[in-house]
Amino acid sequence: MAILKILEYPHPVLKQKAEPVAKIDDEIKKILSNMLETMYDAPGIGLAAPQIGISKRMLVLDISENKDNPYIIINPEIIWKSDEVNIYQEGCLSVPEQYADVVRPEKIKLKYQNIDGKEQIIEADGLLATCIQHEMDHLNGVLFIDHLSRLKRNMLVKKLKKLQEA
C-alpha cells in the first residue's frame, strides 16, 4: 500500500466529471486500498479518486471514531434525498485548512457498487450523508467552495493561495 499525493485547488482534474468504473479489477482494488491509506494518513474522513488525479467514479470514507468502519463506494448514485437540510462546517483535503458552512440534504439514499462489484443501497443521514454528498461532488468536478457565495469563495481562495505561497 502507498500514500498518494492529494491534488490541491486549482488543479484542473478537480474540475472534471469522473468516468464510471467499467470493471472492478485488481488495479482498481489496489487504488482503493491506497486511497484508504492516504485518507487515514491525511487525516481525513473521505477521499474521492479525482483528488488523487484519477478521474474515476469511486470514493472512500470513514466517519467512525476509531477509523475502523470504511466505506468503499464505486459508481455511486443518489436515488433519493430529503427536503430537510443540514448545515455542516466542511473542509476538504484538496482545499487545505479552509472551512465553511455548507447546506446539503439531511438524508439520502445511495445506490453503489462495493469492492466486490455487488450493488448496494444504503440510507444515510447526518455526517455520513454530508460526507457522501461532499465526496460525490468531487466526482462531478464540484468542490465544497462552489456551494458558497462568490464573496465567501473568493475569501477562502485568497487564504488558500497565501498558504500555498508560504
C-alpha atoms as a PDB file:
ATOM      1  CA  MET A   1       0.000   0.000   0.000  1.00  0.00           C
ATOM      2  CA  ALA A   2       1.087   3.561  -0.619  1.00  0.00           C
ATOM      3  CA  ILE A   3       0.323   7.109   0.439  1.00  0.00           C
ATOM      4  CA  LEU A   4      -0.779   9.031  -2.661  1.00  0.00           C
ATOM      5  CA  LYS A   5      -0.370  12.740  -3.449  1.00  0.00           C
ATOM      6  CA  ILE A   6      -3.586  14.686  -2.891  1.00  0.00           C
ATOM      7  CA  LEU A   7      -4.178  17.323  -5.545  1.00  0.00           C
ATOM      8  CA  GLU A   8      -4.999  20.824  -4.349  1.00  0.00           C
ATOM      9  CA  TYR A   9      -7.224  23.547  -5.766  1.00  0.00           C
ATOM     10  CA  PRO A  10      -6.961  24.834  -8.529  1.00  0.00           C
ATOM     11  CA  HIS A  11      -5.674  21.594 -10.152  1.00  0.00           C
ATOM     12  CA  PRO A  12      -7.730  21.057 -13.368  1.00  0.00           C
ATOM     13  CA  VAL A  13      -8.547  17.373 -12.625  1.00  0.00           C
ATOM     14  CA  LEU A  14     -10.597  18.566  -9.645  1.00  0.00           C
ATOM     15  CA  LYS A  15     -12.981  20.336 -12.030  1.00  0.00           C
ATOM     16  CA  GLN A  16     -13.562  17.358 -14.379  1.00  0.00           C
ATOM     17  CA  LYS A  17     -16.507  14.977 -14.322  1.00  0.00           C
ATOM     18  CA  ALA A  18     -15.199  11.484 -13.489  1.00  0.00           C
ATOM     19  CA  GLU A  19     -15.850   8.429 -15.677  1.00  0.00           C
ATOM     20  CA  PRO A  20     -17.691   5.335 -14.399  1.00  0.00           C
ATOM     21  CA  VAL A  21     -15.602   2.364 -13.316  1.00  0.00           C
ATOM     22  CA  ALA A  22     -16.198  -0.234 -16.044  1.00  0.00           C
ATOM     23  CA  LYS A  23     -14.563  -3.186 -14.308  1.00  0.00           C
ATOM     24  CA  ILE A  24     -13.515  -3.684 -10.696  1.00  0.00           C
ATOM     25  CA  ASP A  25     -10.200  -5.467 -11.190  1.00  0.00           C
ATOM     26  CA  ASP A  26      -7.051  -5.842  -9.084  1.00  0.00           C
ATOM     27  CA  GLU A  27      -5.751  -2.445 -10.228  1.00  0.00           C
ATOM     28  CA  ILE A  28      -8.941  -0.672  -9.078  1.00  0.00           C
ATOM     29  CA  LYS A  29      -8.855  -2.574  -5.761  1.00  0.00           C
ATOM     30  CA  LYS A  30      -5.220  -1.530  -5.226  1.00  0.00           C
ATOM     31  CA  ILE A  31      -6.068   2.123  -5.944  1.00  0.00           C
ATOM     32  CA  LEU A  32      -8.970   1.979  -3.467  1.00  0.00           C
ATOM     33  CA  SER A  33      -6.733   0.411  -0.811  1.00  0.00           C
ATOM     34  CA  ASN A  34      -4.157   3.176  -1.366  1.00  0.00           C
ATOM     35  CA  MET A  35      -6.937   5.779  -1.206  1.00  0.00           C
ATOM     36  CA  LEU A  36      -7.990   4.479   2.233  1.00  0.00           C
ATOM     37  CA  GLU A  37      -4.410   4.591   3.484  1.00  0.00           C
ATOM     38  CA  THR A  38      -3.987   8.113   2.066  1.00  0.00           C
ATOM     39  CA  MET A  39      -7.261   9.310   3.641  1.00  0.00           C
ATOM     40  CA  TYR A  40      -6.320   7.956   7.081  1.00  0.00           C
ATOM     41  CA  ASP A  41      -2.809   9.428   6.808  1.00  0.00           C
ATOM     42  CA  ALA A  42      -4.014  12.907   5.747  1.00  0.00           C
ATOM     43  CA  PRO A  43      -6.033  12.694   8.145  1.00  0.00           C
ATOM     44  CA  GLY A  44      -9.457  12.948   6.566  1.00  0.00           C
ATOM     45  CA  ILE A  45     -12.870  11.287   6.635  1.00  0.00           C
ATOM     46  CA  GLY A  46     -13.328  10.989   2.874  1.00  0.00           C
ATOM     47  CA  LEU A  47     -11.369  10.904  -0.367  1.00  0.00           C
ATOM     48  CA  ALA A  48     -12.551  10.740  -3.973  1.00  0.00           C
ATOM     49  CA  ALA A  49     -10.449   9.370  -6.837  1.00  0.00           C
ATOM     50  CA  PRO A  50     -10.193  12.750  -8.659  1.00  0.00           C
ATOM     51  CA  GLN A  51      -8.397  14.117  -5.585  1.00  0.00           C
ATOM     52  CA  ILE A  52      -5.502  11.762  -6.348  1.00  0.00           C
ATOM     53  CA  GLY A  53      -5.602  12.513 -10.082  1.00  0.00           C
ATOM     54  CA  ILE A  54      -7.735   9.535 -11.151  1.00  0.00           C
ATOM     55  CA  SER A  55     -10.889  10.603 -12.944  1.00  0.00           C
ATOM     56  CA  LYS A  56     -12.980   7.554 -11.953  1.00  0.00           C
ATOM     57  CA  ARG A  57     -16.288   7.433 -10.067  1.00  0.00           C
ATOM     58  CA  MET A  58     -15.060   5.953  -6.800  1.00  0.00           C
ATOM     59  CA  LEU A  59     -14.531   7.175  -3.276  1.00  0.00           C
ATOM     60  CA  VAL A  60     -13.682   6.037   0.223  1.00  0.00           C
ATOM     61  CA  LEU A  61     -14.839   7.385   3.563  1.00  0.00           C
ATOM     62  CA  ASP A  62     -14.825   6.553   7.237  1.00  0.00           C
ATOM     63  CA  ILE A  63     -16.574   8.719   9.809  1.00  0.00           C
ATOM     64  CA  SER A  64     -16.096   6.265  12.722  1.00  0.00           C
ATOM     65  CA  GLU A  65     -14.174   7.465  15.783  1.00  0.00           C
ATOM     66  CA  ASN A  66     -11.790   4.507  15.708  1.00  0.00           C
ATOM     67  CA  LYS A  67     -11.287   4.680  11.921  1.00  0.00           C
ATOM     68  CA  ASP A  68     -12.399   1.069  11.606  1.00  0.00           C
ATOM     69  CA  ASN A  69     -15.592   1.290   9.535  1.00  0.00           C
ATOM     70  CA  PRO A  70     -14.578   2.291   5.995  1.00  0.00           C
ATOM     71  CA  TYR A  71     -16.980   2.592   3.093  1.00  0.00           C
ATOM     72  CA  ILE A  72     -15.659   1.793  -0.373  1.00  0.00           C
ATOM     73  CA  ILE A  73     -18.078   3.265  -2.907  1.00  0.00           C
ATOM     74  CA  ILE A  74     -17.879   2.698  -6.654  1.00  0.00           C
ATOM     75  CA  ASN A  75     -20.165   4.271  -9.283  1.00  0.00           C
ATOM     76  CA  PRO A  76     -22.410   5.956  -6.683  1.00  0.00           C
ATOM     77  CA  GLU A  77     -25.812   7.388  -7.497  1.00  0.00           C
ATOM     78  CA  ILE A  78     -28.074   9.282  -5.102  1.00  0.00           C
ATOM     79  CA  ILE A  79     -31.539   7.858  -5.732  1.00  0.00           C
ATOM     80  CA  TRP A  80     -33.386   9.938  -3.119  1.00  0.00           C
ATOM     81  CA  LYS A  81     -32.710  12.979  -0.963  1.00  0.00           C
ATOM     82  CA  SER A  82     -34.758  14.619   1.756  1.00  0.00           C
ATOM     83  CA  ASP A  83     -36.243  18.083   1.594  1.00  0.00           C
ATOM     84  CA  GLU A  84     -34.874  18.731   5.093  1.00  0.00           C
ATOM     85  CA  VAL A  85     -31.347  20.106   5.141  1.00  0.00           C
ATOM     86  CA  ASN A  86     -28.343  20.116   7.450  1.00  0.00           C
ATOM     87  CA  ILE A  87     -25.599  22.681   7.722  1.00  0.00           C
ATOM     88  CA  TYR A  88     -22.113  21.343   8.411  1.00  0.00           C
ATOM     89  CA  GLN A  89     -18.836  23.166   8.533  1.00  0.00           C
ATOM     90  CA  GLU A  90     -16.969  21.377   5.752  1.00  0.00           C
ATOM     91  CA  GLY A  91     -13.328  21.219   4.898  1.00  0.00           C
ATOM     92  CA  CYS A  92     -11.504  19.378   2.140  1.00  0.00           C
ATOM     93  CA  LEU A  93      -8.121  17.735   1.707  1.00  0.00           C
ATOM     94  CA  SER A  94      -7.889  19.464  -1.693  1.00  0.00           C
ATOM     95  CA  VAL A  95      -8.633  22.861  -0.132  1.00  0.00           C
ATOM     96  CA  PRO A  96      -6.413  22.574   2.958  1.00  0.00           C
ATOM     97  CA  GLU A  97      -7.085  24.486   6.162  1.00  0.00           C
ATOM     98  CA  GLN A  98     -10.205  26.176   4.759  1.00  0.00           C
ATOM     99  CA  TYR A  99     -13.661  25.597   6.240  1.00  0.00           C
ATOM    100  CA  ALA A 100     -17.149  26.906   5.598  1.00  0.00           C
ATOM    101  CA  ASP A 101     -20.775  26.075   6.344  1.00  0.00           C
ATOM    102  CA  VAL A 102     -22.416  24.135   3.516  1.00  0.00           C
ATOM    103  CA  VAL A 103     -26.124  23.325   3.238  1.00  0.00           C
ATOM    104  CA  ARG A 104     -26.999  19.832   1.971  1.00  0.00           C
ATOM    105  CA  PRO A 105     -29.948  17.433   2.178  1.00  0.00           C
ATOM    106  CA  GLU A 106     -30.109  15.867   5.661  1.00  0.00           C
ATOM    107  CA  LYS A 107     -30.866  12.342   4.418  1.00  0.00           C
ATOM    108  CA  ILE A 108     -30.065  10.445   1.234  1.00  0.00           C
ATOM    109  CA  LYS A 109     -30.500   7.013  -0.276  1.00  0.00           C
ATOM    110  CA  LEU A 110     -27.429   5.844  -2.187  1.00  0.00           C
ATOM    111  CA  LYS A 111     -27.001   3.104  -4.754  1.00  0.00           C
ATOM    112  CA  TYR A 112     -23.439   1.979  -5.469  1.00  0.00           C
ATOM    113  CA  GLN A 113     -21.161  -0.985  -6.078  1.00  0.00           C
ATOM    114  CA  ASN A 114     -18.926  -2.341  -3.331  1.00  0.00           C
ATOM    115  CA  ILE A 115     -15.365  -3.567  -3.881  1.00  0.00           C
ATOM    116  CA  ASP A 116     -16.743  -6.965  -4.976  1.00  0.00           C
ATOM    117  CA  GLY A 117     -18.923  -5.332  -7.623  1.00  0.00           C
ATOM    118  CA  LYS A 118     -22.145  -6.070  -5.732  1.00  0.00           C
ATOM    119  CA  GLU A 119     -24.861  -3.430  -5.876  1.00  0.00           C
ATOM    120  CA  GLN A 120     -25.635  -1.899  -2.501  1.00  0.00           C
ATOM    121  CA  ILE A 121     -28.295   0.532  -1.320  1.00  0.00           C
ATOM    122  CA  ILE A 122     -27.867   2.435   1.917  1.00  0.00           C
ATOM    123  CA  GLU A 123     -29.773   5.173   3.661  1.00  0.00           C
ATOM    124  CA  ALA A 124     -27.609   7.817   5.274  1.00  0.00           C
ATOM    125  CA  ASP A 125     -28.220  10.855   7.420  1.00  0.00           C
ATOM    126  CA  GLY A 126     -26.216  13.385   9.384  1.00  0.00           C
ATOM    127  CA  LEU A 127     -22.464  13.410   8.891  1.00  0.00           C
ATOM    128  CA  LEU A 128     -22.477  10.248   6.747  1.00  0.00           C
ATOM    129  CA  ALA A 129     -24.954  11.808   4.286  1.00  0.00           C
ATOM    130  CA  THR A 130     -22.939  15.034   4.196  1.00  0.00           C
ATOM    131  CA  CYS A 131     -19.656  13.201   3.651  1.00  0.00           C
ATOM    132  CA  ILE A 132     -21.092  11.071   0.835  1.00  0.00           C
ATOM    133  CA  GLN A 133     -22.502  14.157  -0.900  1.00  0.00           C
ATOM    134  CA  HIS A 134     -19.224  16.057  -0.453  1.00  0.00           C
ATOM    135  CA  GLU A 135     -17.178  13.214  -1.970  1.00  0.00           C
ATOM    136  CA  MET A 136     -19.707  12.670  -4.765  1.00  0.00           C
ATOM    137  CA  ASP A 137     -19.379  16.353  -5.660  1.00  0.00           C
ATOM    138  CA  HIS A 138     -15.710  15.607  -6.443  1.00  0.00           C
ATOM    139  CA  LEU A 139     -16.877  13.014  -8.984  1.00  0.00           C
ATOM    140  CA  ASN A 140     -18.787  15.800 -10.741  1.00  0.00           C
ATOM    141  CA  GLY A 141     -15.991  18.374 -10.683  1.00  0.00           C
ATOM    142  CA  VAL A 142     -17.509  20.317  -7.783  1.00  0.00           C
ATOM    143  CA  LEU A 143     -15.691  21.454  -4.636  1.00  0.00           C
ATOM    144  CA  PHE A 144     -17.352  22.493  -1.384  1.00  0.00           C
ATOM    145  CA  ILE A 145     -16.282  26.080  -2.070  1.00  0.00           C
ATOM    146  CA  ASP A 146     -18.516  26.009  -5.180  1.00  0.00           C
ATOM    147  CA  HIS A 147     -21.517  25.899  -2.807  1.00  0.00           C
ATOM    148  CA  LEU A 148     -20.538  29.233  -1.238  1.00  0.00           C
ATOM    149  CA  SER A 149     -21.382  32.765  -2.227  1.00  0.00           C
ATOM    150  CA  ARG A 150     -18.873  34.378  -4.576  1.00  0.00           C
ATOM    151  CA  LEU A 151     -17.633  36.624  -1.764  1.00  0.00           C
ATOM    152  CA  LYS A 152     -17.006  33.749   0.688  1.00  0.00           C
ATOM    153  CA  ARG A 153     -15.441  31.599  -2.030  1.00  0.00           C
ATOM    154  CA  ASN A 154     -13.085  34.410  -3.098  1.00  0.00           C
ATOM    155  CA  MET A 155     -12.041  34.989   0.530  1.00  0.00           C
ATOM    156  CA  LEU A 156     -11.257  31.277   1.027  1.00  0.00           C
ATOM    157  CA  VAL A 157      -9.355  31.069  -2.273  1.00  0.00           C
ATOM    158  CA  LYS A 158      -7.248  34.107  -1.289  1.00  0.00           C
ATOM    159  CA  LYS A 159      -6.385  32.496   2.055  1.00  0.00           C
ATOM    160  CA  LEU A 160      -5.532  29.230   0.321  1.00  0.00           C
ATOM    161  CA  LYS A 161      -3.242  30.951  -2.185  1.00  0.00           C
ATOM    162  CA  LYS A 162      -1.376  32.670   0.664  1.00  0.00           C
ATOM    163  CA  LEU A 163      -0.898  29.293   2.350  1.00  0.00           C
ATOM    164  CA  GLN A 164       0.306  27.686  -0.869  1.00  0.00           C
ATOM    165  CA  GLU A 165       2.802  30.503  -1.473  1.00  0.00           C
ATOM    166  CA  ALA A 166       4.176  30.343   2.080  1.00  0.00           C
END
